[in-house]
Structure formats: C-alpha cells, structure tokens
Protein backbone atom coordinates (compact mmCIF):
# COMPACT_ATOMS: atom_id res chain seq x y z
CA MET A 1 -9.28 3.67 -27.45
CA SER A 2 -10.85 7.05 -27.14
CA GLY A 3 -10.72 8.98 -30.39
CA GLY A 4 -8.26 6.56 -31.99
CA GLU A 5 -5.41 7.61 -29.74
CA LEU A 6 -1.99 5.97 -29.70
CA GLY A 7 -1.58 3.72 -26.68
CA ILE A 8 1.15 1.87 -24.82
CA ILE A 9 0.71 -1.55 -23.25
CA GLY A 10 2.99 -3.37 -20.84
CA ASP A 11 3.51 -6.79 -19.30
CA ILE A 12 5.54 -6.00 -16.19
CA GLY A 13 7.14 -8.91 -14.35
CA ALA A 14 9.88 -9.44 -11.82
CA THR A 15 12.28 -10.69 -14.49
CA SER A 16 11.18 -8.98 -17.70
CA THR A 17 9.35 -5.81 -18.61
CA ARG A 18 7.68 -6.03 -22.02
CA LEU A 19 6.31 -2.93 -23.70
CA ALA A 20 4.56 -2.29 -26.99
CA LEU A 21 2.42 0.26 -28.80
CA VAL A 22 -1.17 -0.14 -29.95
CA GLU A 23 -1.66 1.81 -33.15
CA ARG A 24 -4.87 3.62 -34.05
CA GLY A 25 -5.99 0.68 -36.17
CA GLY A 26 -5.50 -1.70 -33.24
CA ALA A 27 -2.24 -3.33 -34.34
CA ILE A 28 0.29 -4.19 -31.63
CA THR A 29 3.69 -2.94 -32.79
CA ARG A 30 7.21 -2.11 -31.60
CA SER A 31 7.30 -4.83 -28.94
CA ARG A 32 10.45 -4.68 -26.81
CA THR A 33 11.65 -6.64 -23.79
CA PHE A 34 13.79 -5.15 -21.02
CA ALA A 35 15.39 -6.75 -17.97
CA THR A 36 13.45 -5.40 -15.00
CA ASN A 37 16.61 -5.29 -12.89
CA ASP A 38 18.24 -2.90 -15.37
CA TYR A 39 16.04 0.00 -14.22
CA PRO A 40 15.50 1.54 -10.79
CA ASN A 41 11.77 1.98 -11.42
CA LEU A 42 9.02 1.41 -13.95
CA GLY A 43 8.97 5.02 -15.09
CA ASP A 44 12.62 4.82 -16.12
CA ALA A 45 11.97 1.64 -18.10
CA ILE A 46 9.06 3.20 -19.97
CA ASP A 47 11.08 6.37 -20.62
CA ALA A 48 13.89 4.25 -22.07
CA TYR A 49 11.41 2.45 -24.31
CA LEU A 50 9.78 5.63 -25.62
CA THR A 51 13.14 7.33 -26.17
CA GLY A 52 14.54 4.34 -28.00
CA GLU A 53 11.60 4.13 -30.38
CA HIS A 54 12.11 7.73 -31.63
CA LEU A 55 8.36 8.25 -31.96
CA SER A 56 6.99 11.18 -33.94
CA GLU A 57 4.22 11.40 -31.34
CA ARG A 58 3.87 10.05 -27.84
CA PRO A 59 1.06 7.78 -26.70
CA THR A 60 -1.68 9.40 -24.64
CA GLN A 61 -2.89 6.40 -22.63
CA ALA A 62 -1.61 3.14 -21.26
CA VAL A 63 -2.68 -0.19 -19.82
CA LEU A 64 0.00 -1.92 -17.78
CA ALA A 65 -0.34 -5.52 -16.63
CA VAL A 66 1.76 -6.09 -13.52
CA ALA A 67 2.78 -9.16 -11.52
CA SER A 68 1.05 -8.11 -8.32
CA PRO A 69 -2.39 -7.41 -6.91
CA VAL A 70 -3.75 -3.96 -7.79
CA THR A 71 -5.91 -2.70 -4.94
CA SER A 72 -5.06 1.01 -4.71
CA ASP A 73 -3.04 3.79 -6.33
CA LEU A 74 0.16 2.34 -4.85
CA VAL A 75 1.37 -0.78 -6.64
CA ALA A 76 4.19 -3.02 -5.39
CA LEU A 77 5.46 -5.94 -7.46
CA THR A 78 5.22 -9.16 -5.47
CA ASN A 79 8.63 -10.56 -6.38
CA HIS A 80 10.59 -7.39 -7.16
CA PRO A 81 11.35 -4.14 -5.28
CA TRP A 82 9.58 -1.87 -7.78
CA THR A 83 6.74 0.20 -6.31
CA PHE A 84 4.92 3.08 -7.95
CA SER A 85 1.94 5.39 -7.74
CA ILE A 86 -0.36 5.03 -10.74
CA GLU A 87 -1.22 8.72 -10.71
CA ALA A 88 2.40 9.81 -10.29
CA LEU A 89 3.42 7.56 -13.17
CA ARG A 90 0.67 9.04 -15.34
CA GLU A 91 1.87 12.57 -14.59
CA ARG A 92 5.53 11.70 -15.16
CA LEU A 93 4.81 10.18 -18.57
CA GLY A 94 2.41 12.93 -19.57
CA LEU A 95 -0.41 10.48 -20.33
CA ARG A 96 -4.11 11.23 -20.28
CA GLN A 97 -5.04 7.86 -18.75
CA VAL A 98 -3.18 4.96 -17.15
CA ARG A 99 -4.91 1.75 -16.14
CA VAL A 100 -2.98 -0.87 -14.16
CA ILE A 101 -4.26 -4.44 -13.92
CA ASN A 102 -2.90 -7.75 -12.67
CA ASP A 103 -0.95 -9.61 -15.34
CA PHE A 104 -3.11 -12.71 -15.07
CA VAL A 105 -6.26 -10.66 -15.40
CA ALA A 106 -4.72 -9.57 -18.71
CA ASN A 107 -4.06 -13.20 -19.59
CA ALA A 108 -7.68 -14.09 -18.82
CA LEU A 109 -8.90 -11.24 -21.03
CA ALA A 110 -6.67 -12.56 -23.83
CA ILE A 111 -8.11 -16.08 -23.97
CA PRO A 112 -11.05 -15.37 -26.34
CA HIS A 113 -8.65 -13.66 -28.75
CA LEU A 114 -6.07 -16.45 -29.03
CA ASP A 115 -5.76 -18.34 -32.30
CA LYS A 116 -5.67 -22.12 -32.60
CA ASP A 117 -1.92 -21.99 -33.18
CA ASP A 118 -1.45 -20.10 -29.89
CA LEU A 119 -2.56 -23.15 -27.89
CA PHE A 120 -1.38 -26.71 -27.31
CA GLN A 121 -4.08 -28.95 -25.82
CA ILE A 122 -3.25 -31.59 -23.23
CA GLY A 123 -6.23 -33.81 -22.46
CA GLY A 124 -9.94 -33.18 -22.19
CA ASP A 125 -12.59 -32.56 -24.79
CA ALA A 126 -13.85 -29.37 -26.43
CA PRO A 127 -14.50 -26.42 -24.13
CA VAL A 128 -18.07 -25.64 -23.13
CA ALA A 129 -19.16 -22.35 -24.70
CA ASN A 130 -19.71 -19.45 -22.26
CA ALA A 131 -18.51 -21.56 -19.30
CA PRO A 132 -15.94 -20.21 -16.81
CA ILE A 133 -12.28 -20.56 -17.65
CA GLY A 134 -9.21 -20.72 -15.42
CA VAL A 135 -5.71 -19.42 -16.08
CA ILE A 136 -2.61 -20.45 -14.15
CA GLY A 137 1.03 -19.86 -14.95
CA PRO A 138 4.41 -20.41 -13.30
CA GLY A 139 7.11 -17.84 -14.00
CA THR A 140 9.13 -15.84 -11.51
CA GLY A 141 5.97 -16.24 -9.42
CA LEU A 142 2.70 -18.12 -9.88
CA GLY A 143 -0.15 -16.23 -11.50
CA VAL A 144 -3.76 -17.35 -11.23
CA SER A 145 -6.95 -15.88 -12.64
CA GLY A 146 -10.04 -16.80 -14.59
CA SER A 147 -13.13 -15.33 -16.14
CA ILE A 148 -16.86 -15.80 -16.23
CA THR A 149 -19.22 -14.83 -19.03
CA LYS A 150 -22.12 -12.43 -18.59
CA ASP A 151 -24.18 -11.07 -21.45
CA GLY A 152 -21.57 -12.35 -23.87
CA ASP A 153 -18.66 -10.53 -22.21
CA GLY A 154 -15.81 -12.13 -20.31
CA ILE A 155 -15.47 -10.75 -16.79
CA PRO A 156 -12.00 -11.44 -15.33
CA ILE A 157 -11.53 -12.63 -11.78
CA HIS A 158 -9.10 -10.59 -9.68
CA GLY A 159 -7.33 -12.71 -7.09
CA ALA A 160 -4.03 -13.99 -5.73
CA GLY A 161 -4.44 -17.73 -6.15
CA GLY A 162 -0.71 -18.33 -6.42
CA HIS A 163 -0.48 -17.79 -2.68
CA VAL A 164 -2.95 -20.45 -1.53
CA THR A 165 -1.49 -23.05 0.83
CA LEU A 166 0.22 -25.83 -1.10
CA ALA A 167 -0.98 -29.36 -0.37
CA ALA A 168 0.88 -32.63 -0.90
CA ALA A 169 -0.69 -35.45 -2.89
CA ASN A 170 1.68 -38.23 -1.71
CA ALA A 171 4.28 -39.00 0.92
CA ARG A 172 7.25 -37.80 -1.13
CA GLU A 173 5.63 -34.42 -1.71
CA GLY A 174 4.70 -34.32 1.97
CA ALA A 175 8.33 -34.80 2.95
CA VAL A 176 9.39 -32.02 0.57
CA LEU A 177 6.81 -29.63 2.01
CA ASP A 178 7.87 -30.50 5.56
CA LEU A 179 11.40 -29.37 4.70
CA MET A 180 10.13 -26.22 3.02
CA ARG A 181 8.09 -25.29 6.11
CA ARG A 182 11.32 -25.04 8.06
CA ARG A 183 12.40 -22.25 5.73
CA PHE A 184 9.15 -20.44 4.98
CA ASP A 185 6.48 -19.34 7.41
CA HIS A 186 3.88 -20.22 4.76
CA VAL A 187 4.44 -22.71 1.95
CA SER A 188 2.26 -21.32 -0.81
CA ALA A 189 1.77 -22.86 -4.23
CA GLU A 190 4.23 -20.28 -5.58
CA ARG A 191 6.98 -21.68 -3.33
CA ALA A 192 7.06 -24.77 -5.58
CA LEU A 193 5.32 -23.75 -8.79
CA SER A 194 7.62 -21.02 -10.08
CA GLY A 195 11.22 -20.56 -11.17
CA PRO A 196 12.44 -20.15 -7.58
CA GLY A 197 10.03 -22.94 -6.65
CA LEU A 198 11.82 -25.37 -8.95
CA VAL A 199 15.03 -24.58 -7.10
CA ASN A 200 13.22 -25.13 -3.78
CA LEU A 201 11.97 -28.52 -4.95
CA TYR A 202 15.39 -29.57 -6.21
CA ASN A 203 17.18 -28.53 -3.01
CA ALA A 204 14.62 -30.31 -0.83
CA LEU A 205 14.83 -33.50 -2.87
CA CYS A 206 18.64 -33.45 -2.63
CA GLU A 207 18.40 -33.04 1.14
CA LEU A 208 15.91 -35.90 1.44
CA SER A 209 18.18 -38.10 -0.66
CA ALA A 210 21.31 -37.07 1.27
CA GLU A 211 22.89 -35.81 -1.94
CA PRO A 212 24.78 -32.55 -2.48
CA ALA A 213 22.77 -29.94 -4.35
CA ALA A 214 24.34 -28.19 -7.31
CA SER A 215 23.80 -24.46 -7.76
CA PHE A 216 21.34 -24.99 -10.58
CA THR A 217 18.99 -22.37 -11.93
CA ALA A 218 15.41 -23.28 -12.78
CA ALA A 219 16.34 -23.44 -16.47
CA GLN A 220 19.15 -25.88 -15.69
CA ILE A 221 16.93 -28.05 -13.50
CA THR A 222 14.43 -28.45 -16.33
CA SER A 223 17.13 -28.97 -18.98
CA LEU A 224 16.75 -32.32 -20.71
CA GLN A 225 20.53 -32.85 -20.73
CA ILE A 226 20.95 -32.13 -17.02
CA GLY A 227 17.89 -34.22 -16.24
CA GLU A 228 19.49 -37.21 -17.95
CA GLU A 229 22.59 -36.80 -15.78
CA ASN A 230 21.05 -35.66 -12.49
CA PRO A 231 18.23 -37.78 -10.99
CA ARG A 232 17.18 -35.10 -8.49
CA ALA A 233 16.84 -32.46 -11.23
CA ARG A 234 14.73 -34.91 -13.19
CA GLU A 235 12.63 -35.68 -10.11
CA ALA A 236 12.18 -31.98 -9.32
CA THR A 237 10.90 -31.32 -12.85
CA ALA A 238 8.52 -34.26 -12.64
CA MET A 239 7.24 -33.15 -9.22
CA PHE A 240 6.76 -29.62 -10.52
CA CYS A 241 4.58 -30.89 -13.38
CA SER A 242 2.58 -33.15 -11.07
CA MET A 243 2.00 -30.45 -8.48
CA LEU A 244 0.93 -28.05 -11.21
CA GLY A 245 -1.61 -30.66 -12.30
CA THR A 246 -2.99 -30.79 -8.77
CA ALA A 247 -3.21 -26.99 -8.57
CA ALA A 248 -4.80 -26.70 -12.02
CA GLY A 249 -7.37 -29.35 -11.15
CA ASN A 250 -8.17 -27.49 -7.94
CA LEU A 251 -8.70 -24.31 -9.97
CA ALA A 252 -10.98 -26.13 -12.41
CA LEU A 253 -13.12 -27.45 -9.57
CA THR A 254 -13.21 -24.10 -7.76
CA LEU A 255 -14.34 -22.15 -10.83
CA GLY A 256 -16.33 -24.89 -12.53
CA ALA A 257 -14.02 -24.13 -15.44
CA GLN A 258 -15.65 -26.21 -18.14
CA GLY A 259 -14.45 -23.62 -20.62
CA GLY A 260 -10.94 -24.93 -20.02
CA ILE A 261 -7.81 -24.37 -17.97
CA TYR A 262 -5.10 -22.33 -19.70
CA ILE A 263 -1.45 -22.51 -18.65
CA ALA A 264 0.55 -19.34 -19.19
CA GLY A 265 3.86 -18.09 -17.80
CA GLY A 266 7.40 -18.49 -18.96
CA ILE A 267 8.26 -22.00 -17.77
CA VAL A 268 5.75 -24.54 -19.09
CA PRO A 269 5.85 -23.55 -22.80
CA ARG A 270 9.61 -24.19 -22.76
CA LEU A 271 9.21 -27.69 -21.33
CA GLY A 272 7.58 -29.00 -24.48
CA ALA A 273 7.43 -32.79 -24.60
CA ILE A 274 8.63 -33.08 -20.99
CA PHE A 275 5.42 -31.45 -19.84
CA ALA A 276 3.16 -33.19 -22.35
CA GLN A 277 4.49 -36.59 -21.24
CA SER A 278 4.47 -35.78 -17.51
CA ASP A 279 1.85 -36.68 -14.92
CA PHE A 280 0.29 -33.23 -15.17
CA ARG A 281 -2.94 -34.44 -16.72
CA LEU A 282 -3.13 -37.54 -14.52
CA ARG A 283 -2.92 -35.38 -11.43
CA PHE A 284 -5.31 -32.81 -12.92
CA GLU A 285 -7.97 -35.50 -13.09
CA SER A 286 -7.10 -37.26 -9.80
CA LYS A 287 -9.92 -35.83 -7.68
CA GLY A 288 -11.58 -39.00 -6.41
CA ARG A 289 -15.34 -38.90 -6.92
CA PHE A 290 -15.00 -35.86 -9.19
CA ARG A 291 -12.59 -37.44 -11.64
CA ASP A 292 -15.32 -37.83 -14.26
CA TYR A 293 -16.15 -34.13 -13.90
CA LEU A 294 -12.57 -33.19 -14.74
CA VAL A 295 -11.87 -35.70 -17.50
CA SER A 296 -13.78 -33.69 -20.09
CA ILE A 297 -12.33 -30.28 -19.13
CA PRO A 298 -9.60 -29.35 -21.62
CA SER A 299 -6.26 -27.97 -20.52
CA TYR A 300 -4.12 -25.87 -22.82
CA VAL A 301 -0.56 -24.56 -22.81
CA ILE A 302 -0.44 -21.02 -24.20
CA VAL A 303 2.51 -21.01 -26.58
CA ARG A 304 1.99 -17.43 -27.83
CA SER A 305 4.59 -14.97 -26.55
CA SER A 306 3.21 -12.28 -24.20
CA PRO A 307 -0.50 -13.17 -24.31
CA ALA A 308 -1.01 -10.46 -21.67
CA PHE A 309 -0.50 -7.93 -24.48
CA LEU A 310 -3.77 -9.08 -26.04
CA GLY A 311 -5.62 -8.63 -22.75
CA ALA A 312 -4.06 -5.24 -22.14
CA LYS A 313 -5.09 -4.21 -25.64
CA GLN A 314 -8.69 -5.20 -24.93
CA MET A 315 -8.65 -3.10 -21.78
CA LEU A 316 -7.03 -0.19 -23.63
CA GLU A 317 -9.80 -0.21 -26.20
CA GLN A 318 -12.33 0.25 -23.38
CA LEU A 319 -10.70 3.44 -22.05
C-alpha cells in the first residue's frame, strides 16, 4: 500500500458481501459479512460497514473482488442485480484509489499465501514448483481462474470458465443435460456446478425418475440426513461431485496445471467426507490416454474462510 495507508478489501458475491480492513502493518482485521440482498447497491453496503466500525480514520484505497468479469468501468454482478461504476464508487466513498478484480482472480492470487492448514488434499502427489495452477469453485455461481509464474511472480488468468458448455460423461448425465436444455438456451457448467445448479440437477433427476421433487435448497440437497432419506438428493450430490471432477480435470489439462487444482467456493468445503469419498477424483483422472498425466496432479479443497481476502490484500499492496 502506498505510504502505509489504511485499506479496505472486499469479496463481493451474489449471496454474501464480505468486507475487511488491511492495517498499515498488513494485518487483515474487522472482517464482516453482509447479505448482499439487504442493500440496494454496493456503495450502501460499504457505507454500512464503515459506519458500523466507528473508525477514527477512513481507508484511502480499496481492492474489491467481485463475482463477475471486470472489463470496463461499469461492473455488473453475474448472478445479482447490482451494477456500479468503479469511478463513481471511488468518488462516493472518498477513496484515493479503487481497484476491482474478479473474485477468482483474487483466489488465484491467494494460493501462494495459504498455509498447510488452509488446504485439504484429495489425490495426486506434490505440486510442481512454478508450474501453472487452476482454481475452480462452486457457490452461487461457478468461478474459474488460474495463474502462471513468470520471473517468480504469479500472474492470474482473467476468464469466465464457469460458463463453458457443460459436457456429459455418461448416459445418465446426458439425460439430465437434455432436460436442462429445454429450460436454458445454453447449459453452462454453472447450470449444474453451483448452488442453483444442485437444484437443477435434483429437479432433473426427479423428473427422469418420475418422482415428485421437493422444494429443497442446495444446502438441503447436500444434507447427509436428507440424502439418507431421499435417493434423488443423494444422487444429485453424487452427480455434482462427479461433474466437478470432470470440469476440474478439464481445467488441469487446459492449463497444464501441474502446480495443482484448488477448489474454492462456499459449497465443497461444507461437504466434508461426502466430497472426499465421492467420485470427484476418479472423474478428475478419467481422461483416457491422459490419465497418467493427471494422476500426479494434486487437487486441494480450500478450507480457509474468504481466501479472496488474501488475494485482494496482495493486490492492495501493489497500489
């Protein structure tokens, strides 16, 4: 941060808006979480945060990680109505600088700064030093990013990989996607690999099985108790994990991510043993002639809360 200034960082999603301060010494403090729907716009949410903290001085710069592509001054969240001008937000908040980045770019920037306890490894060997990494994470949407190393620095990849066309790996998945195509003009990976995607999978599986669908939320579908009582909820959770394995393996091949694939987002860390014991890793490696290439690539679940804060902090320190 320029001149040791106080900074604000944010992880802005369709469900939750998380804000924190970065002190002059670099410590992340005063982390707070707000329901995105509780505020008409991002500026109001940040105002509420700053007012509630009763600060003796206001921050002078900010890095905000948002769940959307950032291609111009105008930013629109992909899965929420919030839109804002970066410059107008800077002026409203009275900040010297505001940098807005994609939330999964922030996650990619965070990877080198995670501790051992922040990660849970599922399969693979040790990561290859200075090799590309991939990051993927289901939440309200599906975030995808990665980074490559040049001259010792990690360079994040800006993209929208959650919106690639979703492919089926077997007949059951094919039947599910056929039903989903009747509803959506484009069945992206996010249509299945997200909170709403879990509901889509469950509803499609109920229809294929000629069973009535309950009005379950994603959290209920993945609940161990409901899964024991409801075969379609259990199948939807299993299909979600398998499809995520396919998508993560695709990402590893695309990036040559021998530095590892990291799974972020709000859903997978809560699945715990269900995910660890699922077919995720089997499907990750199921790439025919390139299975041996993938077997050694490690995959990790990020269990640290708000890893995007670490990435936003790194970006803030470069302002």
